[in-house]
PDB file of N, CA and C in Angstrom:
ATOM      1  N   UNK A   1      23.208  14.143   8.640  1.00  0.00           N
ATOM      2  CA  UNK A   1      23.773  13.271   8.098  1.00  0.00           C
ATOM      3  C   UNK A   1      24.540  12.209   7.088  1.00  0.00           C
ATOM      4  N   UNK A   2      26.155  11.973   6.988  1.00  0.00           N
ATOM      5  CA  UNK A   2      26.567  11.851   6.663  1.00  0.00           C
ATOM      6  C   UNK A   2      26.133  11.286   4.631  1.00  0.00           C
ATOM      7  N   UNK A   3      25.283  10.393   5.030  1.00  0.00           N
ATOM      8  CA  UNK A   3      25.054  10.259   3.532  1.00  0.00           C
ATOM      9  C   UNK A   3      23.637   9.858   3.492  1.00  0.00           C
ATOM     10  N   UNK A   4      22.687  10.011   2.512  1.00  0.00           N
ATOM     11  CA  UNK A   4      21.397   9.415   2.839  1.00  0.00           C
ATOM     12  C   UNK A   4      21.218   8.271   2.587  1.00  0.00           C
ATOM     13  N   UNK A   5      19.786   7.449   2.645  1.00  0.00           N
ATOM     14  CA  UNK A   5      19.519   6.224   2.825  1.00  0.00           C
ATOM     15  C   UNK A   5      19.376   5.503   1.337  1.00  0.00           C
ATOM     16  N   UNK A   6      19.536   6.257   0.381  1.00  0.00           N
ATOM     17  CA  UNK A   6      19.472   6.133  -1.190  1.00  0.00           C
ATOM     18  C   UNK A   6      20.156   4.730  -1.335  1.00  0.00           C
ATOM     19  N   UNK A   7      21.410   4.533  -0.777  1.00  0.00           N
ATOM     20  CA  UNK A   7      22.635   3.298  -0.683  1.00  0.00           C
ATOM     21  C   UNK A   7      22.677   2.141   0.232  1.00  0.00           C
ATOM     22  N   UNK A   8      21.301   2.334   1.069  1.00  0.00           N
ATOM     23  CA  UNK A   8      21.576   1.769   2.049  1.00  0.00           C
ATOM     24  C   UNK A   8      22.413   0.403   2.090  1.00  0.00           C
ATOM     25  N   UNK A   9      21.665  -0.503   0.757  1.00  0.00           N
ATOM     26  CA  UNK A   9      22.029  -1.941   0.673  1.00  0.00           C
ATOM     27  C   UNK A   9      23.142  -2.190  -0.418  1.00  0.00           C
ATOM     28  N   UNK A  10      23.898  -0.820  -0.658  1.00  0.00           N
ATOM     29  CA  UNK A  10      24.858  -1.182  -2.096  1.00  0.00           C
ATOM     30  C   UNK A  10      25.841  -2.368  -1.509  1.00  0.00           C
ATOM     31  N   UNK A  11      26.043  -2.065  -0.232  1.00  0.00           N
ATOM     32  CA  UNK A  11      27.393  -3.573   0.243  1.00  0.00           C
ATOM     33  C   UNK A  11      26.692  -4.907   0.840  1.00  0.00           C
ATOM     34  N   UNK A  12      25.836  -5.234   0.185  1.00  0.00           N
ATOM     35  CA  UNK A  12      25.435  -6.215   0.192  1.00  0.00           C
ATOM     36  C   UNK A  12      25.871  -7.544   0.491  1.00  0.00           C
ATOM     37  N   UNK A  13      27.154  -6.860   0.327  1.00  0.00           N
ATOM     38  CA  UNK A  13      28.234  -8.366  -0.094  1.00  0.00           C
ATOM     39  C   UNK A  13      27.760  -9.018  -1.643  1.00  0.00           C
ATOM     40  N   UNK A  14      27.037  -7.928  -2.238  1.00  0.00           N
ATOM     41  CA  UNK A  14      26.815  -8.767  -3.512  1.00  0.00           C
ATOM     42  C   UNK A  14      27.812  -7.446  -4.516  1.00  0.00           C
ATOM     43  N   UNK A  15      27.645  -7.067  -4.110  1.00  0.00           N
ATOM     44  CA  UNK A  15      28.318  -5.170  -4.841  1.00  0.00           C
ATOM     45  C   UNK A  15      29.610  -4.753  -4.673  1.00  0.00           C
ATOM     46  N   UNK A  16      30.511  -5.527  -4.760  1.00  0.00           N
ATOM     47  CA  UNK A  16      32.021  -4.976  -3.543  1.00  0.00           C
ATOM     48  C   UNK A  16      32.795  -4.110  -4.547  1.00  0.00           C
ATOM     49  N   UNK A  17      33.253  -2.881  -3.945  1.00  0.00           N
ATOM     50  CA  UNK A  17      33.484  -1.928  -4.733  1.00  0.00           C
ATOM     51  C   UNK A  17      32.906  -0.910  -4.930  1.00  0.00           C
ATOM     52  N   UNK A  18      31.779  -0.467  -4.937  1.00  0.00           N
ATOM     53  CA  UNK A  18      30.753   0.167  -5.831  1.00  0.00           C
ATOM     54  C   UNK A  18      30.988   1.589  -4.337  1.00  0.00           C
ATOM     55  N   UNK A  19      31.010   2.945  -4.525  1.00  0.00           N
ATOM     56  CA  UNK A  19      31.056   3.482  -4.069  1.00  0.00           C
ATOM     57  C   UNK A  19      29.882   4.404  -2.892  1.00  0.00           C
ATOM     58  N   UNK A  20      29.996   4.425  -1.981  1.00  0.00           N
ATOM     59  CA  UNK A  20      28.321   5.061  -1.135  1.00  0.00           C
ATOM     60  C   UNK A  20      28.097   6.360  -1.882  1.00  0.00           C
ATOM     61  N   UNK A  21      26.640   6.452  -1.917  1.00  0.00           N
ATOM     62  CA  UNK A  21      26.645   7.677  -2.837  1.00  0.00           C
ATOM     63  C   UNK A  21      25.167   8.369  -1.665  1.00  0.00           C
ATOM     64  N   UNK A  22      25.034   9.519  -2.157  1.00  0.00           N
ATOM     65  CA  UNK A  22      24.094  10.342  -1.150  1.00  0.00           C
ATOM     66  C   UNK A  22      24.751  11.816  -1.289  1.00  0.00           C
ATOM     67  N   UNK A  23      23.888  12.499  -0.362  1.00  0.00           N
ATOM     68  CA  UNK A  23      24.166  14.251  -0.258  1.00  0.00           C
ATOM     69  C   UNK A  23      24.364  14.017   1.610  1.00  0.00           C
ATOM     70  N   UNK A  24      25.546  14.473   1.755  1.00  0.00           N
ATOM     71  CA  UNK A  24      26.020  14.881   2.953  1.00  0.00           C
ATOM     72  C   UNK A  24      25.212  15.740   4.238  1.00  0.00           C
ATOM     73  N   UNK A  25      23.985  16.548   3.128  1.00  0.00           N
ATOM     74  CA  UNK A  25      23.750  17.435   3.848  1.00  0.00           C
ATOM     75  C   UNK A  25      22.048  17.610   3.668  1.00  0.00           C
ATOM     76  N   UNK A  26      21.659  16.237   3.418  1.00  0.00           N
ATOM     77  CA  UNK A  26      20.243  15.615   3.540  1.00  0.00           C
ATOM     78  C   UNK A  26      19.925  15.310   4.833  1.00  0.00           C
ATOM     79  N   UNK A  27      18.604  15.597   5.248  1.00  0.00           N
ATOM     80  CA  UNK A  27      17.668  15.051   5.850  1.00  0.00           C
ATOM     81  C   UNK A  27      17.900  13.668   6.063  1.00  0.00           C
ATOM     82  N   UNK A  28      17.812  13.597   7.962  1.00  0.00           N
ATOM     83  CA  UNK A  28      17.210  11.659   8.486  1.00  0.00           C
ATOM     84  C   UNK A  28      16.069  12.238   8.027  1.00  0.00           C
ATOM     85  N   UNK A  29      15.569  10.602   7.419  1.00  0.00           N
ATOM     86  CA  UNK A  29      14.564  10.304   7.096  1.00  0.00           C
ATOM     87  C   UNK A  29      13.420  10.348   8.559  1.00  0.00           C
ATOM     88  N   UNK A  30      12.254  11.017   8.112  1.00  0.00           N
ATOM     89  CA  UNK A  30      11.034  11.368   8.694  1.00  0.00           C
ATOM     90  C   UNK A  30      10.787   9.980   9.669  1.00  0.00           C
ATOM     91  N   UNK A  31      10.391   9.840  10.908  1.00  0.00           N
ATOM     92  CA  UNK A  31      10.238   8.990  11.659  1.00  0.00           C
ATOM     93  C   UNK A  31       8.717   8.499  10.972  1.00  0.00           C
ATOM     94  N   UNK A  32       8.264   7.206  11.257  1.00  0.00           N
ATOM     95  CA  UNK A  32       7.357   6.501  10.500  1.00  0.00           C
ATOM     96  C   UNK A  32       6.360   5.864  11.161  1.00  0.00           C
ATOM     97  N   UNK A  33       5.269   6.096  11.869  1.00  0.00           N
ATOM     98  CA  UNK A  33       4.700   5.601  12.730  1.00  0.00           C
ATOM     99  C   UNK A  33       3.328   5.324  12.625  1.00  0.00           C
ATOM    100  N   UNK A  34       2.554   5.712  11.724  1.00  0.00           N
ATOM    101  CA  UNK A  34       1.168   4.970  10.726  1.00  0.00           C
ATOM    102  C   UNK A  34       1.239   4.414   9.527  1.00  0.00           C
ATOM    103  N   UNK A  35       0.315   3.277   9.782  1.00  0.00           N
ATOM    104  CA  UNK A  35       0.218   2.042   8.594  1.00  0.00           C
ATOM    105  C   UNK A  35       1.065   0.999  10.024  1.00  0.00           C
ATOM    106  N   UNK A  36       0.811  -0.101   8.995  1.00  0.00           N
ATOM    107  CA  UNK A  36       1.253  -1.135   9.380  1.00  0.00           C
ATOM    108  C   UNK A  36       3.016  -1.083   9.267  1.00  0.00           C
ATOM    109  N   UNK A  37       3.322  -2.202   9.480  1.00  0.00           N
ATOM    110  CA  UNK A  37       5.015  -2.043   9.427  1.00  0.00           C
ATOM    111  C   UNK A  37       5.417  -1.933   8.151  1.00  0.00           C
ATOM    112  N   UNK A  38       4.785  -3.084   7.371  1.00  0.00           N
ATOM    113  CA  UNK A  38       5.395  -3.536   6.062  1.00  0.00           C
ATOM    114  C   UNK A  38       5.032  -1.620   5.493  1.00  0.00           C
ATOM    115  N   UNK A  39       3.987  -1.132   5.453  1.00  0.00           N
ATOM    116  CA  UNK A  39       3.556   0.319   5.294  1.00  0.00           C
ATOM    117  C   UNK A  39       4.738   1.415   5.679  1.00  0.00           C
ATOM    118  N   UNK A  40       5.162   0.822   6.548  1.00  0.00           N
ATOM    119  CA  UNK A  40       5.968   1.727   7.387  1.00  0.00           C
ATOM    120  C   UNK A  40       7.680   1.517   6.639  1.00  0.00           C
ATOM    121  N   UNK A  41       7.672   0.610   6.367  1.00  0.00           N
ATOM    122  CA  UNK A  41       9.300  -0.163   5.927  1.00  0.00           C
ATOM    123  C   UNK A  41       9.172   1.186   4.206  1.00  0.00           C
ATOM    124  N   UNK A  42       8.109   0.492   3.725  1.00  0.00           N
ATOM    125  CA  UNK A  42       7.639   1.064   2.458  1.00  0.00           C
ATOM    126  C   UNK A  42       8.176   2.539   2.240  1.00  0.00           C
ATOM    127  N   UNK A  43       7.327   3.143   3.410  1.00  0.00           N
ATOM    128  CA  UNK A  43       7.243   4.641   3.366  1.00  0.00           C
ATOM    129  C   UNK A  43       8.605   5.240   3.818  1.00  0.00           C
ATOM    130  N   UNK A  44       9.585   4.679   4.068  1.00  0.00           N
ATOM    131  CA  UNK A  44      11.005   5.121   4.818  1.00  0.00           C
ATOM    132  C   UNK A  44      11.699   4.869   3.516  1.00  0.00           C
ATOM    133  N   UNK A  45      11.617   3.316   2.976  1.00  0.00           N
ATOM    134  CA  UNK A  45      12.319   3.033   1.827  1.00  0.00           C
ATOM    135  C   UNK A  45      12.088   4.392   0.911  1.00  0.00           C
ATOM    136  N   UNK A  46      11.290   4.995   0.680  1.00  0.00           N
ATOM    137  CA  UNK A  46       9.839   5.809  -0.313  1.00  0.00           C
ATOM    138  C   UNK A  46      11.429   7.271  -0.058  1.00  0.00           C
ATOM    139  N   UNK A  47      11.041   7.314   1.180  1.00  0.00           N
ATOM    140  CA  UNK A  47      11.795   9.043   1.614  1.00  0.00           C
ATOM    141  C   UNK A  47      13.256   9.031   1.811  1.00  0.00           C
ATOM    142  N   UNK A  48      13.195   8.155   2.090  1.00  0.00           N
ATOM    143  CA  UNK A  48      14.862   8.022   2.064  1.00  0.00           C
ATOM    144  C   UNK A  48      15.628   7.808   0.364  1.00  0.00           C
ATOM    145  N   UNK A  49      14.984   7.172  -0.352  1.00  0.00           N
ATOM    146  CA  UNK A  49      15.650   8.073  -1.885  1.00  0.00           C
ATOM    147  C   UNK A  49      16.461   6.798  -1.844  1.00  0.00           C
ATOM    148  N   UNK A  50      15.934   5.340  -1.328  1.00  0.00           N
ATOM    149  CA  UNK A  50      16.626   4.268  -1.512  1.00  0.00           C
ATOM    150  C   UNK A  50      16.374   3.438  -2.961  1.00  0.00           C
ATOM    151  N   UNK A  51      15.644   3.491  -3.388  1.00  0.00           N
ATOM    152  CA  UNK A  51      15.459   3.419  -5.110  1.00  0.00           C
ATOM    153  C   UNK A  51      15.915   4.267  -5.757  1.00  0.00           C
ATOM    154  N   UNK A  52      17.107   5.248  -5.711  1.00  0.00           N
ATOM    155  CA  UNK A  52      17.561   6.086  -6.676  1.00  0.00           C
ATOM    156  C   UNK A  52      18.834   5.186  -6.788  1.00  0.00           C
ATOM    157  N   UNK A  53      18.887   4.195  -5.804  1.00  0.00           N
ATOM    158  CA  UNK A  53      20.276   3.422  -6.239  1.00  0.00           C
ATOM    159  C   UNK A  53      19.552   1.673  -6.593  1.00  0.00           C
ATOM    160  N   UNK A  54      18.660   1.611  -5.689  1.00  0.00           N
ATOM    161  CA  UNK A  54      18.559   0.446  -5.430  1.00  0.00           C
ATOM    162  C   UNK A  54      17.092  -0.616  -6.839  1.00  0.00           C
ATOM    163  N   UNK A  55      16.235  -1.361  -7.239  1.00  0.00           N
ATOM    164  CA  UNK A  55      15.533  -1.755  -7.352  1.00  0.00           C
ATOM    165  C   UNK A  55      15.078  -2.714  -6.669  1.00  0.00           C
ATOM    166  N   UNK A  56      13.241  -2.313  -6.751  1.00  0.00           N
ATOM    167  CA  UNK A  56      12.286  -3.390  -5.876  1.00  0.00           C
ATOM    168  C   UNK A  56      11.313  -2.637  -6.232  1.00  0.00           C
ATOM    169  N   UNK A  57      10.934  -3.815  -6.883  1.00  0.00           N
ATOM    170  CA  UNK A  57       9.520  -3.846  -7.639  1.00  0.00           C
ATOM    171  C   UNK A  57       8.431  -2.943  -6.494  1.00  0.00           C
ATOM    172  N   UNK A  58       8.498  -3.714  -5.651  1.00  0.00           N
ATOM    173  CA  UNK A  58       6.976  -2.999  -4.695  1.00  0.00           C
ATOM    174  C   UNK A  58       7.366  -1.741  -4.691  1.00  0.00           C
ATOM    175  N   UNK A  59       8.790  -1.341  -4.297  1.00  0.00           N
ATOM    176  CA  UNK A  59       7.792   0.309  -4.030  1.00  0.00           C
ATOM    177  C   UNK A  59       8.226   0.580  -5.594  1.00  0.00           C
ATOM    178  N   UNK A  60       8.261   0.287  -6.733  1.00  0.00           N
ATOM    179  CA  UNK A  60       8.471   0.516  -8.082  1.00  0.00           C
ATOM    180  C   UNK A  60       9.852   1.492  -8.604  1.00  0.00           C
ATOM    181  N   UNK A  61      10.900   0.884  -7.390  1.00  0.00           N
ATOM    182  CA  UNK A  61      11.932   1.844  -8.154  1.00  0.00           C
ATOM    183  C   UNK A  61      12.975   0.800  -8.940  1.00  0.00           C
ATOM    184  N   UNK A  62      13.927   1.701  -9.367  1.00  0.00           N
ATOM    185  CA  UNK A  62      14.444   0.452 -10.538  1.00  0.00           C
ATOM    186  C   UNK A  62      15.806   1.171 -10.253  1.00  0.00           C
ATOM    187  N   UNK A  63      16.702   1.902  -9.685  1.00  0.00           N
ATOM    188  CA  UNK A  63      18.053   1.936  -9.343  1.00  0.00           C
ATOM    189  C   UNK A  63      19.056   1.111  -9.816  1.00  0.00           C
ATOM    190  N   UNK A  64      20.136   1.116 -10.737  1.00  0.00           N
ATOM    191  CA  UNK A  64      21.246   0.598 -10.912  1.00  0.00           C
ATOM    192  C   UNK A  64      22.354   1.025 -10.126  1.00  0.00           C
ATOM    193  N   UNK A  65      23.017   1.437  -9.244  1.00  0.00           N
ATOM    194  CA  UNK A  65      23.882   1.895  -8.270  1.00  0.00           C
ATOM    195  C   UNK A  65      24.658   0.392  -7.677  1.00  0.00           C
ATOM    196  N   UNK A  66      23.163   0.613  -6.880  1.00  0.00           N
ATOM    197  CA  UNK A  66      23.471  -1.007  -6.034  1.00  0.00           C
ATOM    198  C   UNK A  66      22.462  -2.024  -6.649  1.00  0.00           C
ATOM    199  N   UNK A  67      22.689  -3.191  -5.996  1.00  0.00           N
ATOM    200  CA  UNK A  67      22.234  -4.779  -6.445  1.00  0.00           C
ATOM    201  C   UNK A  67      20.678  -4.357  -6.321  1.00  0.00           C
ATOM    202  N   UNK A  68      20.265  -5.141  -7.323  1.00  0.00           N
ATOM    203  CA  UNK A  68      18.844  -5.505  -7.505  1.00  0.00           C
ATOM    204  C   UNK A  68      18.352  -6.348  -6.177  1.00  0.00           C
ATOM    205  N   UNK A  69      17.509  -6.158  -5.472  1.00  0.00           N
ATOM    206  CA  UNK A  69      16.949  -5.916  -4.383  1.00  0.00           C
ATOM    207  C   UNK A  69      16.207  -7.387  -4.482  1.00  0.00           C
ATOM    208  N   UNK A  70      15.126  -7.429  -5.885  1.00  0.00           N
ATOM    209  CA  UNK A  70      14.778  -8.356  -6.111  1.00  0.00           C
ATOM    210  C   UNK A  70      15.004  -9.317  -6.184  1.00  0.00           C
ATOM    211  N   UNK A  71      16.442  -9.209  -7.063  1.00  0.00           N
ATOM    212  CA  UNK A  71      16.953 -10.492  -7.619  1.00  0.00           C
ATOM    213  C   UNK A  71      17.699 -11.281  -6.245  1.00  0.00           C
ATOM    214  N   UNK A  72      18.133 -10.148  -5.535  1.00  0.00           N
ATOM    215  CA  UNK A  72      18.986 -10.393  -4.033  1.00  0.00           C
ATOM    216  C   UNK A  72      18.563 -12.106  -2.925  1.00  0.00           C
ATOM    217  N   UNK A  73      17.301 -11.458  -2.738  1.00  0.00           N
ATOM    218  CA  UNK A  73      16.129 -11.529  -1.728  1.00  0.00           C
ATOM    219  C   UNK A  73      17.074 -11.833  -0.256  1.00  0.00           C
ATOM    220  N   UNK A  74      17.525 -10.539  -0.390  1.00  0.00           N
ATOM    221  CA  UNK A  74      18.433 -10.549   1.119  1.00  0.00           C
ATOM    222  C   UNK A  74      17.427 -10.707   2.378  1.00  0.00           C
ATOM    223  N   UNK A  75      17.985 -11.663   2.974  1.00  0.00           N
ATOM    224  CA  UNK A  75      16.878 -11.539   4.807  1.00  0.00           C
ATOM    225  C   UNK A  75      16.960 -10.877   5.391  1.00  0.00           C
ATOM    226  N   UNK A  76      15.923 -10.456   6.398  1.00  0.00           N
ATOM    227  CA  UNK A  76      16.130  -9.335   7.326  1.00  0.00           C
ATOM    228  C   UNK A  76      17.290  -9.318   8.075  1.00  0.00           C
ATOM    229  N   UNK A  77      17.701 -10.367   8.454  1.00  0.00           N
ATOM    230  CA  UNK A  77      19.247 -10.094   9.606  1.00  0.00           C
ATOM    231  C   UNK A  77      20.587  -9.753   8.059  1.00  0.00           C
ATOM    232  N   UNK A  78      20.329 -10.118   6.885  1.00  0.00           N
ATOM    233  CA  UNK A  78      21.644  -9.625   6.470  1.00  0.00           C
ATOM    234  C   UNK A  78      21.413  -7.923   6.201  1.00  0.00           C
ATOM    235  N   UNK A  79      20.269  -7.730   5.797  1.00  0.00           N
ATOM    236  CA  UNK A  79      20.056  -6.285   5.874  1.00  0.00           C
ATOM    237  C   UNK A  79      20.516  -5.661   6.475  1.00  0.00           C
ATOM    238  N   UNK A  80      19.723  -5.605   8.182  1.00  0.00           N
ATOM    239  CA  UNK A  80      20.381  -5.370   9.002  1.00  0.00           C
ATOM    240  C   UNK A  80      21.740  -4.954   9.286  1.00  0.00           C
ATOM    241  N   UNK A  81      22.099  -5.919   9.438  1.00  0.00           N
ATOM    242  CA  UNK A  81      23.425  -5.830   9.019  1.00  0.00           C
ATOM    243  C   UNK A  81      24.073  -5.289   9.078  1.00  0.00           C
ATOM    244  N   UNK A  82      23.654  -4.982   7.147  1.00  0.00           N
ATOM    245  CA  UNK A  82      24.696  -4.226   6.301  1.00  0.00           C
ATOM    246  C   UNK A  82      24.366  -3.075   6.828  1.00  0.00           C
ATOM    247  N   UNK A  83      23.179  -2.477   7.123  1.00  0.00           N
ATOM    248  CA  UNK A  83      22.630  -0.842   6.901  1.00  0.00           C
ATOM    249  C   UNK A  83      23.097  -0.296   8.525  1.00  0.00           C
ATOM    250  N   UNK A  84      23.404  -1.745   9.410  1.00  0.00           N
ATOM    251  CA  UNK A  84      24.148  -1.019  10.807  1.00  0.00           C
ATOM    252  C   UNK A  84      25.718  -0.999  10.668  1.00  0.00           C
ATOM    253  N   UNK A  85      26.158  -2.270   9.900  1.00  0.00           N
ATOM    254  CA  UNK A  85      27.949  -2.053  10.296  1.00  0.00           C
ATOM    255  C   UNK A  85      28.224  -0.747   8.890  1.00  0.00           C
ATOM    256  N   UNK A  86      27.632  -1.574   7.822  1.00  0.00           N
ATOM    257  CA  UNK A  86      28.067  -0.586   6.542  1.00  0.00           C
ATOM    258  C   UNK A  86      29.198  -1.681   5.757  1.00  0.00           C
ATOM    259  N   UNK A  87      30.289  -1.353   5.228  1.00  0.00           N
ATOM    260  CA  UNK A  87      31.008  -1.897   4.143  1.00  0.00           C
ATOM    261  C   UNK A  87      30.706  -2.762   3.241  1.00  0.00           C
ATOM    262  N   UNK A  88      31.650  -2.805   2.016  1.00  0.00           N
ATOM    263  CA  UNK A  88      31.475  -2.639   0.905  1.00  0.00           C
ATOM    264  C   UNK A  88      31.237  -1.727   0.059  1.00  0.00           C
ATOM    265  N   UNK A  89      31.857  -0.717   0.097  1.00  0.00           N
ATOM    266  CA  UNK A  89      31.339   0.625  -0.320  1.00  0.00           C
ATOM    267  C   UNK A  89      30.102   1.445   0.632  1.00  0.00           C
ATOM    268  N   UNK A  90      29.310   0.725   1.578  1.00  0.00           N
ATOM    269  CA  UNK A  90      28.343   1.149   1.510  1.00  0.00           C
ATOM    270  C   UNK A  90      28.554   1.587   3.164  1.00  0.00           C
ATOM    271  N   UNK A  91      28.168   3.151   3.795  1.00  0.00           N
ATOM    272  CA  UNK A  91      28.452   3.499   5.335  1.00  0.00           C
ATOM    273  C   UNK A  91      27.869   2.973   6.321  1.00  0.00           C
ATOM    274  N   UNK A  92      28.127   2.708   7.349  1.00  0.00           N
ATOM    275  CA  UNK A  92      27.124   2.865   8.775  1.00  0.00           C
ATOM    276  C   UNK A  92      26.374   3.527   8.503  1.00  0.00           C
ATOM    277  N   UNK A  93      24.924   2.823   8.872  1.00  0.00           N
ATOM    278  CA  UNK A  93      23.580   3.947   9.190  1.00  0.00           C
ATOM    279  C   UNK A  93      23.462   3.928  10.681  1.00  0.00           C
ATOM    280  N   UNK A  94      24.428   3.063  11.426  1.00  0.00           N
ATOM    281  CA  UNK A  94      23.662   3.091  12.874  1.00  0.00           C
ATOM    282  C   UNK A  94      23.651   4.887  13.582  1.00  0.00           C
ATOM    283  N   UNK A  95      24.307   5.584  13.209  1.00  0.00           N
ATOM    284  CA  UNK A  95      24.096   7.011  13.835  1.00  0.00           C
ATOM    285  C   UNK A  95      23.074   8.016  13.537  1.00  0.00           C
ATOM    286  N   UNK A  96      23.054   7.586  12.453  1.00  0.00           N
ATOM    287  CA  UNK A  96      21.445   8.343  11.569  1.00  0.00           C
ATOM    288  C   UNK A  96      20.268   7.499  11.662  1.00  0.00           C
ATOM    289  N   UNK A  97      19.631   6.290  11.739  1.00  0.00           N
ATOM    290  CA  UNK A  97      19.009   5.343  11.581  1.00  0.00           C
ATOM    291  C   UNK A  97      18.926   5.254  12.945  1.00  0.00           C
ATOM    292  N   UNK A  98      17.243   5.347  13.364  1.00  0.00           N
ATOM    293  CA  UNK A  98      16.870   4.763  14.812  1.00  0.00           C
ATOM    294  C   UNK A  98      17.021   3.152  14.503  1.00  0.00           C
ATOM    295  N   UNK A  99      17.557   2.199  15.725  1.00  0.00           N
ATOM    296  CA  UNK A  99      17.354   0.655  15.502  1.00  0.00           C
ATOM    297  C   UNK A  99      16.068   0.275  14.576  1.00  0.00           C
ATOM    298  N   UNK A 100      15.399   0.833  15.695  1.00  0.00           N
ATOM    299  CA  UNK A 100      13.497   0.431  14.756  1.00  0.00           C
ATOM    300  C   UNK A 100      13.225   0.651  13.370  1.00  0.00           C
ATOM    301  N   UNK A 101      13.734   2.058  13.184  1.00  0.00           N
ATOM    302  CA  UNK A 101      13.553   2.397  11.100  1.00  0.00           C
ATOM    303  C   UNK A 101      14.650   1.385  10.348  1.00  0.00           C
ATOM    304  N   UNK A 102      15.953   0.688  11.154  1.00  0.00           N
ATOM    305  CA  UNK A 102      16.604  -0.252  10.371  1.00  0.00           C
ATOM    306  C   UNK A 102      15.532  -1.172  10.371  1.00  0.00           C
ATOM    307  N   UNK A 103      15.009  -1.812  11.357  1.00  0.00           N
ATOM    308  CA  UNK A 103      14.347  -3.091  11.768  1.00  0.00           C
ATOM    309  C   UNK A 103      13.135  -2.697  10.750  1.00  0.00           C
ATOM    310  N   UNK A 104      12.344  -2.003  10.759  1.00  0.00           N
ATOM    311  CA  UNK A 104      11.354  -1.849   9.397  1.00  0.00           C
ATOM    312  C   UNK A 104      11.804  -2.007   8.465  1.00  0.00           C
ATOM    313  N   UNK A 105      12.737  -0.926   8.153  1.00  0.00           N
ATOM    314  CA  UNK A 105      13.913  -1.504   6.684  1.00  0.00           C
ATOM    315  C   UNK A 105      13.909  -2.616   6.061  1.00  0.00           C
ATOM    316  N   UNK A 106      14.158  -3.024   6.898  1.00  0.00           N
ATOM    317  CA  UNK A 106      15.404  -4.674   6.985  1.00  0.00           C
ATOM    318  C   UNK A 106      13.741  -5.299   6.412  1.00  0.00           C
ATOM    319  N   UNK A 107      13.018  -5.349   7.629  1.00  0.00           N
ATOM    320  CA  UNK A 107      11.460  -6.212   7.192  1.00  0.00           C
ATOM    321  C   UNK A 107      10.679  -6.199   5.844  1.00  0.00           C
ATOM    322  N   UNK A 108      10.831  -4.666   6.092  1.00  0.00           N
ATOM    323  CA  UNK A 108       9.942  -4.549   4.205  1.00  0.00           C
ATOM    324  C   UNK A 108      11.326  -5.143   3.123  1.00  0.00           C
ATOM    325  N   UNK A 109      11.936  -4.313   3.123  1.00  0.00           N
ATOM    326  CA  UNK A 109      13.046  -5.637   1.992  1.00  0.00           C
ATOM    327  C   UNK A 109      12.983  -6.716   1.923  1.00  0.00           C
ATOM    328  N   UNK A 110      13.569  -7.484   2.793  1.00  0.00           N
ATOM    329  CA  UNK A 110      13.283  -8.971   2.561  1.00  0.00           C
ATOM    330  C   UNK A 110      11.961  -9.371   2.837  1.00  0.00           C
ATOM    331  N   UNK A 111      11.146  -8.841   2.912  1.00  0.00           N
ATOM    332  CA  UNK A 111       9.321  -9.372   2.781  1.00  0.00           C
ATOM    333  C   UNK A 111       8.813  -9.090   1.056  1.00  0.00           C
ATOM    334  N   UNK A 112       9.950  -7.881   1.026  1.00  0.00           N
ATOM    335  CA  UNK A 112       9.113  -7.525  -0.628  1.00  0.00           C
ATOM    336  C   UNK A 112       9.909  -8.109  -1.990  1.00  0.00           C
ATOM    337  N   UNK A 113      11.368  -8.575  -1.667  1.00  0.00           N
ATOM    338  CA  UNK A 113      12.123  -8.778  -2.382  1.00  0.00           C
ATOM    339  C   UNK A 113      11.683  -9.659  -2.970  1.00  0.00           C
ATOM    340  N   UNK A 114      11.818  -9.666  -4.611  1.00  0.00           N
ATOM    341  CA  UNK A 114      11.173 -10.697  -5.302  1.00  0.00           C
ATOM    342  C   UNK A 114       9.767 -11.148  -5.295  1.00  0.00           C
ATOM    343  N   UNK A 115       9.454 -10.514  -4.740  1.00  0.00           N
ATOM    344  CA  UNK A 115       7.821 -10.842  -4.461  1.00  0.00           C
ATOM    345  C   UNK A 115       7.083 -10.232  -5.731  1.00  0.00           C
ATOM    346  N   UNK A 116       6.054 -11.192  -5.805  1.00  0.00           N
ATOM    347  CA  UNK A 116       5.407 -10.775  -7.563  1.00  0.00           C
ATOM    348  C   UNK A 116       3.876 -10.763  -6.915  1.00  0.00           C
TER     349      UNK A 116
END
């Protein structure tokens, strides 16, 4: 995998010019199959290391490299598009995450960002 998903949302269009982060030798996130879709999305967010770049209160993360997802409130379509296509310093993850993983992650982030 070219990079970890740790910076999967760096380029949400809110943080231009940031470079992608991650370890080129990091393994792909494990498939998520247990629990509700929100639990699966959270597990994927956590196991992939997204919080090392992003703040998301529900996940207990405080990353400062990429956008603060609680403040950004991205919708699922925007997250899916960014993770799939990349851009603004973020690589595409279309070759390293399945469409189902991208969907779970997008629904989780959009559903929990800014939730108190």
